[in-house]
């Protein structure tokens, strides 16, 4: 296990986070190397760092950022019957009451019903 994996494992093991000043001591590395590794992990979106004061000194609370759940997509909101709204994926900035594709779609729905 390389040092980056060791650091990440230590962070994951602390549900409420770990102070950076404790982390480098626990990992038995110097504070500069720890800072570089944490900056990389933060840039990769694996951790968050929040500034804190502990025992009168500034430090950071390091927390693991778990994988965020991807919300379930509800495409039913884009459907009327079995027809997709023409606004789905449309890049035009228009006023709906003046939009020709939308008007045609609404009229076609009337004919289907």
C-alpha atoms as a PDB file:
ATOM      1  CA  UNK A   1       0.000   0.000   0.000  1.00  0.00           C
ATOM      2  CA  UNK A   2       1.482   3.334  -1.022  1.00  0.00           C
ATOM      3  CA  UNK A   3       1.393   6.390   1.233  1.00  0.00           C
ATOM      4  CA  UNK A   4      -1.530   8.014  -0.632  1.00  0.00           C
ATOM      5  CA  UNK A   5      -3.670   4.896  -0.136  1.00  0.00           C
ATOM      6  CA  UNK A   6      -2.630   4.777   3.527  1.00  0.00           C
ATOM      7  CA  UNK A   7      -3.666   8.423   4.015  1.00  0.00           C
ATOM      8  CA  UNK A   8      -7.020   7.862   2.301  1.00  0.00           C
ATOM      9  CA  UNK A   9      -7.651   4.742   4.405  1.00  0.00           C
ATOM     10  CA  UNK A  10      -6.943   6.710   7.599  1.00  0.00           C
ATOM     11  CA  UNK A  11      -9.336   9.478   6.514  1.00  0.00           C
ATOM     12  CA  UNK A  12     -12.066   6.951   5.631  1.00  0.00           C
ATOM     13  CA  UNK A  13     -11.720   5.325   9.063  1.00  0.00           C
ATOM     14  CA  UNK A  14     -12.735   8.581  10.799  1.00  0.00           C
ATOM     15  CA  UNK A  15     -16.457   9.118  10.224  1.00  0.00           C
ATOM     16  CA  UNK A  16     -16.373  12.696  11.567  1.00  0.00           C
ATOM     17  CA  UNK A  17     -13.062  13.505   9.899  1.00  0.00           C
ATOM     18  CA  UNK A  18      -9.513  13.887  11.152  1.00  0.00           C
ATOM     19  CA  UNK A  19      -7.446  16.982  11.791  1.00  0.00           C
ATOM     20  CA  UNK A  20      -4.575  17.414   9.361  1.00  0.00           C
ATOM     21  CA  UNK A  21      -2.235  18.033  12.302  1.00  0.00           C
ATOM     22  CA  UNK A  22      -3.137  14.567  13.644  1.00  0.00           C
ATOM     23  CA  UNK A  23      -3.137  12.875  10.258  1.00  0.00           C
ATOM     24  CA  UNK A  24       0.495  13.416   9.372  1.00  0.00           C
ATOM     25  CA  UNK A  25       1.586  12.270  12.827  1.00  0.00           C
ATOM     26  CA  UNK A  26      -0.590   9.140  12.641  1.00  0.00           C
ATOM     27  CA  UNK A  27       0.665   8.378   9.127  1.00  0.00           C
ATOM     28  CA  UNK A  28       4.255   8.991  10.288  1.00  0.00           C
ATOM     29  CA  UNK A  29       5.125  11.402   7.459  1.00  0.00           C
ATOM     30  CA  UNK A  30       6.223  15.013   7.514  1.00  0.00           C
ATOM     31  CA  UNK A  31       3.598  17.745   7.373  1.00  0.00           C
ATOM     32  CA  UNK A  32       4.742  19.075   3.955  1.00  0.00           C
ATOM     33  CA  UNK A  33       4.367  15.702   2.281  1.00  0.00           C
ATOM     34  CA  UNK A  34       0.971  15.262   3.940  1.00  0.00           C
ATOM     35  CA  UNK A  35      -0.158  18.666   2.624  1.00  0.00           C
ATOM     36  CA  UNK A  36       0.870  17.758  -0.935  1.00  0.00           C
ATOM     37  CA  UNK A  37      -0.985  14.441  -0.792  1.00  0.00           C
ATOM     38  CA  UNK A  38      -4.107  16.098   0.656  1.00  0.00           C
ATOM     39  CA  UNK A  39      -4.047  18.811  -2.014  1.00  0.00           C
ATOM     40  CA  UNK A  40      -3.981  16.076  -4.677  1.00  0.00           C
ATOM     41  CA  UNK A  41      -6.800  14.101  -3.036  1.00  0.00           C
ATOM     42  CA  UNK A  42      -8.873  17.273  -2.703  1.00  0.00           C
ATOM     43  CA  UNK A  43      -8.316  18.153  -6.357  1.00  0.00           C
ATOM     44  CA  UNK A  44      -9.462  14.632  -7.320  1.00  0.00           C
ATOM     45  CA  UNK A  45     -12.651  15.185  -5.285  1.00  0.00           C
ATOM     46  CA  UNK A  46     -11.901  12.392  -2.812  1.00  0.00           C
ATOM     47  CA  UNK A  47     -11.682  14.563   0.325  1.00  0.00           C
ATOM     48  CA  UNK A  48     -12.771  17.927   1.672  1.00  0.00           C
ATOM     49  CA  UNK A  49     -10.729  20.270   3.857  1.00  0.00           C
ATOM     50  CA  UNK A  50     -12.342  22.732   6.259  1.00  0.00           C
ATOM     51  CA  UNK A  51     -10.212  25.230   8.156  1.00  0.00           C
ATOM     52  CA  UNK A  52     -10.260  24.751  11.939  1.00  0.00           C
ATOM     53  CA  UNK A  53      -8.397  25.870  15.017  1.00  0.00           C
ATOM     54  CA  UNK A  54      -7.091  23.189  17.348  1.00  0.00           C
ATOM     55  CA  UNK A  55      -5.126  24.021  20.493  1.00  0.00           C
ATOM     56  CA  UNK A  56      -4.700  27.594  19.244  1.00  0.00           C
ATOM     57  CA  UNK A  57      -3.229  26.583  15.882  1.00  0.00           C
ATOM     58  CA  UNK A  58      -4.826  26.679  12.448  1.00  0.00           C
ATOM     59  CA  UNK A  59      -5.300  23.298  10.830  1.00  0.00           C
ATOM     60  CA  UNK A  60      -7.838  21.550   8.607  1.00  0.00           C
ATOM     61  CA  UNK A  61     -10.536  19.012   9.290  1.00  0.00           C
ATOM     62  CA  UNK A  62     -10.187  16.380   6.583  1.00  0.00           C
ATOM     63  CA  UNK A  63     -13.237  14.351   5.567  1.00  0.00           C
ATOM     64  CA  UNK A  64     -13.683  11.580   3.033  1.00  0.00           C
ATOM     65  CA  UNK A  65     -16.178  12.338   0.300  1.00  0.00           C
ATOM     66  CA  UNK A  66     -17.991   9.137  -0.561  1.00  0.00           C
ATOM     67  CA  UNK A  67     -19.466   8.510  -3.951  1.00  0.00           C
ATOM     68  CA  UNK A  68     -22.521  10.634  -4.361  1.00  0.00           C
ATOM     69  CA  UNK A  69     -25.675   8.856  -5.342  1.00  0.00           C
ATOM     70  CA  UNK A  70     -26.792   9.654  -8.823  1.00  0.00           C
ATOM     71  CA  UNK A  71     -30.422  10.688  -8.629  1.00  0.00           C
ATOM     72  CA  UNK A  72     -32.841   8.429 -10.427  1.00  0.00           C
ATOM     73  CA  UNK A  73     -33.919  10.041 -13.638  1.00  0.00           C
ATOM     74  CA  UNK A  74     -37.662  10.361 -14.027  1.00  0.00           C
ATOM     75  CA  UNK A  75     -38.235  10.652 -17.758  1.00  0.00           C
ATOM     76  CA  UNK A  76     -41.980  10.470 -17.232  1.00  0.00           C
ATOM     77  CA  UNK A  77     -41.853  14.194 -16.565  1.00  0.00           C
ATOM     78  CA  UNK A  78     -40.782  14.682 -20.189  1.00  0.00           C
ATOM     79  CA  UNK A  79     -43.497  12.481 -21.655  1.00  0.00           C
ATOM     80  CA  UNK A  80     -47.099  13.022 -22.588  1.00  0.00           C
ATOM     81  CA  UNK A  81     -48.458   9.617 -23.366  1.00  0.00           C
ATOM     82  CA  UNK A  82     -45.667   8.019 -25.348  1.00  0.00           C
ATOM     83  CA  UNK A  83     -44.397  11.288 -26.849  1.00  0.00           C
ATOM     84  CA  UNK A  84     -41.339  13.194 -25.665  1.00  0.00           C
ATOM     85  CA  UNK A  85     -41.615  16.935 -25.270  1.00  0.00           C
ATOM     86  CA  UNK A  86     -39.827  18.753 -28.119  1.00  0.00           C
ATOM     87  CA  UNK A  87     -38.190  20.846 -25.405  1.00  0.00           C
ATOM     88  CA  UNK A  88     -36.135  17.825 -24.357  1.00  0.00           C
ATOM     89  CA  UNK A  89     -32.583  18.650 -25.359  1.00  0.00           C
ATOM     90  CA  UNK A  90     -33.629  21.876 -27.079  1.00  0.00           C
ATOM     91  CA  UNK A  91     -30.929  24.540 -27.059  1.00  0.00           C
ATOM     92  CA  UNK A  92     -33.172  27.380 -28.201  1.00  0.00           C
ATOM     93  CA  UNK A  93     -33.964  30.122 -25.756  1.00  0.00           C
ATOM     94  CA  UNK A  94     -37.539  30.869 -26.676  1.00  0.00           C
ATOM     95  CA  UNK A  95     -40.863  31.807 -25.236  1.00  0.00           C
ATOM     96  CA  UNK A  96     -42.969  28.626 -25.040  1.00  0.00           C
ATOM     97  CA  UNK A  97     -46.105  30.328 -26.358  1.00  0.00           C
ATOM     98  CA  UNK A  98     -44.180  31.397 -29.487  1.00  0.00           C
ATOM     99  CA  UNK A  99     -42.229  28.162 -30.057  1.00  0.00           C
ATOM    100  CA  UNK A 100     -43.202  26.489 -33.357  1.00  0.00           C
ATOM    101  CA  UNK A 101     -41.907  22.964 -32.502  1.00  0.00           C
ATOM    102  CA  UNK A 102     -43.739  23.034 -29.174  1.00  0.00           C
ATOM    103  CA  UNK A 103     -46.952  24.267 -30.810  1.00  0.00           C
ATOM    104  CA  UNK A 104     -46.788  21.504 -33.444  1.00  0.00           C
ATOM    105  CA  UNK A 105     -46.236  18.921 -30.726  1.00  0.00           C
ATOM    106  CA  UNK A 106     -49.244  20.163 -28.727  1.00  0.00           C
ATOM    107  CA  UNK A 107     -51.444  20.058 -31.831  1.00  0.00           C
ATOM    108  CA  UNK A 108     -50.260  16.519 -32.648  1.00  0.00           C
ATOM    109  CA  UNK A 109     -51.221  15.444 -29.108  1.00  0.00           C
ATOM    110  CA  UNK A 110     -54.729  16.787 -29.663  1.00  0.00           C
ATOM    111  CA  UNK A 111     -55.023  14.685 -32.829  1.00  0.00           C
ATOM    112  CA  UNK A 112     -53.735  11.552 -31.026  1.00  0.00           C
ATOM    113  CA  UNK A 113     -56.261  11.845 -28.202  1.00  0.00           C
END
